[in-house]
Amino acid sequence: MPEELFVIVVLSIVSMTVLSIVKMVLRYRREREQLRRGASEGVPLSELEAVVRRAVAGAIAPLAERIEQLEPVRRLPPAGVEGEVSGADVPEGPHEAPVRPVR
């Protein structure tokens, strides 16, 4: 009887091992197929590009406004030219210093 019991235990262990391996292989294939399908069902490239364009435009808008404010300051006469420089056409903000003549 102990030999029969030993054979039953060994067969049980072998069959459970084979079943576990088959189950793991099937799960791996199913997950791999889901990932493959999931990648194709994602956000289209055109939609992603549109989102990035909107984000960049929103981030650049304050900088563009600031450049427009500073454009008149950029049009100062060259450094070697004598004369008075006025900053009257440039709006002064809390962080801007008045424009001084260049000598």
C-alpha atoms as a PDB file:
ATOM      1  CA  MET A   1       0.000   0.000   0.000  1.00  0.00           C
ATOM      2  CA  PRO A   2       2.744   2.559   0.681  1.00  0.00           C
ATOM      3  CA  GLU A   3       4.007   2.130  -2.885  1.00  0.00           C
ATOM      4  CA  GLU A   4       0.570   2.907  -4.260  1.00  0.00           C
ATOM      5  CA  LEU A   5       0.308   5.954  -2.054  1.00  0.00           C
ATOM      6  CA  PHE A   6       3.717   7.139  -3.216  1.00  0.00           C
ATOM      7  CA  VAL A   7       2.688   6.764  -6.879  1.00  0.00           C
ATOM      8  CA  ILE A   8      -0.514   8.747  -6.257  1.00  0.00           C
ATOM      9  CA  VAL A   9       1.392  11.579  -4.533  1.00  0.00           C
ATOM     10  CA  VAL A  10       4.001  11.757  -7.312  1.00  0.00           C
ATOM     11  CA  LEU A  11       1.319  11.752 -10.029  1.00  0.00           C
ATOM     12  CA  SER A  12      -0.554  14.503  -8.158  1.00  0.00           C
ATOM     13  CA  ILE A  13       2.544  16.677  -7.933  1.00  0.00           C
ATOM     14  CA  VAL A  14       3.451  16.142 -11.594  1.00  0.00           C
ATOM     15  CA  SER A  15      -0.086  16.841 -12.818  1.00  0.00           C
ATOM     16  CA  MET A  16      -0.383  20.018 -10.690  1.00  0.00           C
ATOM     17  CA  THR A  17       2.984  21.227 -12.007  1.00  0.00           C
ATOM     18  CA  VAL A  18       1.909  20.646 -15.619  1.00  0.00           C
ATOM     19  CA  LEU A  19      -1.429  22.378 -15.007  1.00  0.00           C
ATOM     20  CA  SER A  20       0.314  25.360 -13.386  1.00  0.00           C
ATOM     21  CA  ILE A  21       2.708  25.738 -16.314  1.00  0.00           C
ATOM     22  CA  VAL A  22      -0.156  25.566 -18.838  1.00  0.00           C
ATOM     23  CA  LYS A  23      -2.103  28.149 -16.852  1.00  0.00           C
ATOM     24  CA  MET A  24       0.897  30.518 -16.725  1.00  0.00           C
ATOM     25  CA  VAL A  25       1.495  30.189 -20.474  1.00  0.00           C
ATOM     26  CA  LEU A  26      -2.173  30.901 -21.255  1.00  0.00           C
ATOM     27  CA  ARG A  27      -2.212  33.920 -18.933  1.00  0.00           C
ATOM     28  CA  TYR A  28       0.969  35.272 -20.534  1.00  0.00           C
ATOM     29  CA  ARG A  29      -0.469  34.952 -24.027  1.00  0.00           C
ATOM     30  CA  ARG A  30      -3.759  36.598 -22.998  1.00  0.00           C
ATOM     31  CA  GLU A  31      -1.989  39.557 -21.341  1.00  0.00           C
ATOM     32  CA  ARG A  32       0.357  39.968 -24.307  1.00  0.00           C
ATOM     33  CA  GLU A  33      -2.626  40.075 -26.674  1.00  0.00           C
ATOM     34  CA  GLN A  34      -4.411  42.612 -24.450  1.00  0.00           C
ATOM     35  CA  LEU A  35      -1.328  44.838 -24.461  1.00  0.00           C
ATOM     36  CA  ARG A  36      -1.066  44.557 -28.233  1.00  0.00           C
ATOM     37  CA  ARG A  37      -4.745  45.510 -28.641  1.00  0.00           C
ATOM     38  CA  GLY A  38      -4.488  48.207 -25.969  1.00  0.00           C
ATOM     39  CA  ALA A  39      -1.629  49.947 -27.763  1.00  0.00           C
ATOM     40  CA  SER A  40      -3.662  50.216 -30.964  1.00  0.00           C
ATOM     41  CA  GLU A  41      -6.730  51.510 -29.118  1.00  0.00           C
ATOM     42  CA  GLY A  42      -4.820  54.363 -27.430  1.00  0.00           C
ATOM     43  CA  VAL A  43      -4.915  58.071 -28.148  1.00  0.00           C
ATOM     44  CA  PRO A  44      -4.385  58.857 -31.842  1.00  0.00           C
ATOM     45  CA  LEU A  45      -1.191  60.694 -32.722  1.00  0.00           C
ATOM     46  CA  SER A  46      -3.091  63.669 -34.181  1.00  0.00           C
ATOM     47  CA  GLU A  47      -5.028  64.134 -30.946  1.00  0.00           C
ATOM     48  CA  LEU A  48      -1.834  63.913 -28.923  1.00  0.00           C
ATOM     49  CA  GLU A  49      -0.175  66.530 -31.144  1.00  0.00           C
ATOM     50  CA  ALA A  50      -3.198  68.833 -30.743  1.00  0.00           C
ATOM     51  CA  VAL A  51      -3.001  68.545 -26.953  1.00  0.00           C
ATOM     52  CA  VAL A  52       0.714  69.374 -27.003  1.00  0.00           C
ATOM     53  CA  ARG A  53       0.136  72.363 -29.335  1.00  0.00           C
ATOM     54  CA  ARG A  54      -2.548  73.770 -27.000  1.00  0.00           C
ATOM     55  CA  ALA A  55      -0.311  73.300 -23.956  1.00  0.00           C
ATOM     56  CA  VAL A  56       2.655  74.989 -25.628  1.00  0.00           C
ATOM     57  CA  ALA A  57       0.488  77.873 -26.902  1.00  0.00           C
ATOM     58  CA  GLY A  58      -0.866  78.392 -23.387  1.00  0.00           C
ATOM     59  CA  ALA A  59       2.617  78.399 -21.908  1.00  0.00           C
ATOM     60  CA  ILE A  60       4.016  80.771 -24.530  1.00  0.00           C
ATOM     61  CA  ALA A  61       1.159  83.324 -24.417  1.00  0.00           C
ATOM     62  CA  PRO A  62       2.472  85.256 -21.351  1.00  0.00           C
ATOM     63  CA  LEU A  63       5.957  85.330 -22.851  1.00  0.00           C
ATOM     64  CA  ALA A  64       4.633  86.698 -26.144  1.00  0.00           C
ATOM     65  CA  GLU A  65       2.776  89.453 -24.270  1.00  0.00           C
ATOM     66  CA  ARG A  66       5.940  90.350 -22.387  1.00  0.00           C
ATOM     67  CA  ILE A  67       7.923  90.507 -25.634  1.00  0.00           C
ATOM     68  CA  GLU A  68       5.313  92.862 -27.087  1.00  0.00           C
ATOM     69  CA  GLN A  69       5.714  95.110 -24.042  1.00  0.00           C
ATOM     70  CA  LEU A  70       9.497  95.131 -24.373  1.00  0.00           C
ATOM     71  CA  GLU A  71       9.623  95.777 -28.128  1.00  0.00           C
ATOM     72  CA  PRO A  72       9.659  99.609 -27.759  1.00  0.00           C
ATOM     73  CA  VAL A  73      12.616  99.378 -25.349  1.00  0.00           C
ATOM     74  CA  ARG A  74      14.568  97.411 -27.914  1.00  0.00           C
ATOM     75  CA  ARG A  75      14.343 100.255 -30.394  1.00  0.00           C
ATOM     76  CA  LEU A  76      16.750 102.483 -28.439  1.00  0.00           C
ATOM     77  CA  PRO A  77      19.455 104.375 -30.352  1.00  0.00           C
ATOM     78  CA  PRO A  78      22.909 102.779 -30.637  1.00  0.00           C
ATOM     79  CA  ALA A  79      25.264 103.176 -27.687  1.00  0.00           C
ATOM     80  CA  GLY A  80      27.587 105.670 -29.384  1.00  0.00           C
ATOM     81  CA  VAL A  81      24.819 108.168 -30.294  1.00  0.00           C
ATOM     82  CA  GLU A  82      24.440 111.148 -27.986  1.00  0.00           C
ATOM     83  CA  GLY A  83      21.011 112.349 -27.047  1.00  0.00           C
ATOM     84  CA  GLU A  84      18.193 111.905 -24.680  1.00  0.00           C
ATOM     85  CA  VAL A  85      16.346 108.645 -24.507  1.00  0.00           C
ATOM     86  CA  SER A  86      12.821 108.671 -23.287  1.00  0.00           C
ATOM     87  CA  GLY A  87      10.987 105.764 -21.819  1.00  0.00           C
ATOM     88  CA  ALA A  88       7.600 107.485 -22.042  1.00  0.00           C
ATOM     89  CA  ASP A  89       6.275 105.098 -24.690  1.00  0.00           C
ATOM     90  CA  VAL A  90       7.068 102.061 -22.523  1.00  0.00           C
ATOM     91  CA  PRO A  91       4.607 101.214 -19.745  1.00  0.00           C
ATOM     92  CA  GLU A  92       6.333 100.900 -16.401  1.00  0.00           C
ATOM     93  CA  GLY A  93       5.497  97.892 -14.308  1.00  0.00           C
ATOM     94  CA  PRO A  94       6.515  97.105 -10.750  1.00  0.00           C
ATOM     95  CA  HIS A  95       9.567  95.178 -11.979  1.00  0.00           C
ATOM     96  CA  GLU A  96      10.732  97.591 -14.691  1.00  0.00           C
ATOM     97  CA  ALA A  97      13.277 100.353 -14.097  1.00  0.00           C
ATOM     98  CA  PRO A  98      13.050 103.638 -15.998  1.00  0.00           C
ATOM     99  CA  VAL A  99      15.206 103.939 -19.099  1.00  0.00           C
ATOM    100  CA  ARG A 100      18.331 106.104 -18.640  1.00  0.00           C
ATOM    101  CA  PRO A 101      20.268 107.889 -21.357  1.00  0.00           C
ATOM    102  CA  VAL A 102      23.284 106.098 -22.743  1.00  0.00           C
ATOM    103  CA  ARG A 103      26.555 108.092 -22.650  1.00  0.00           C
END
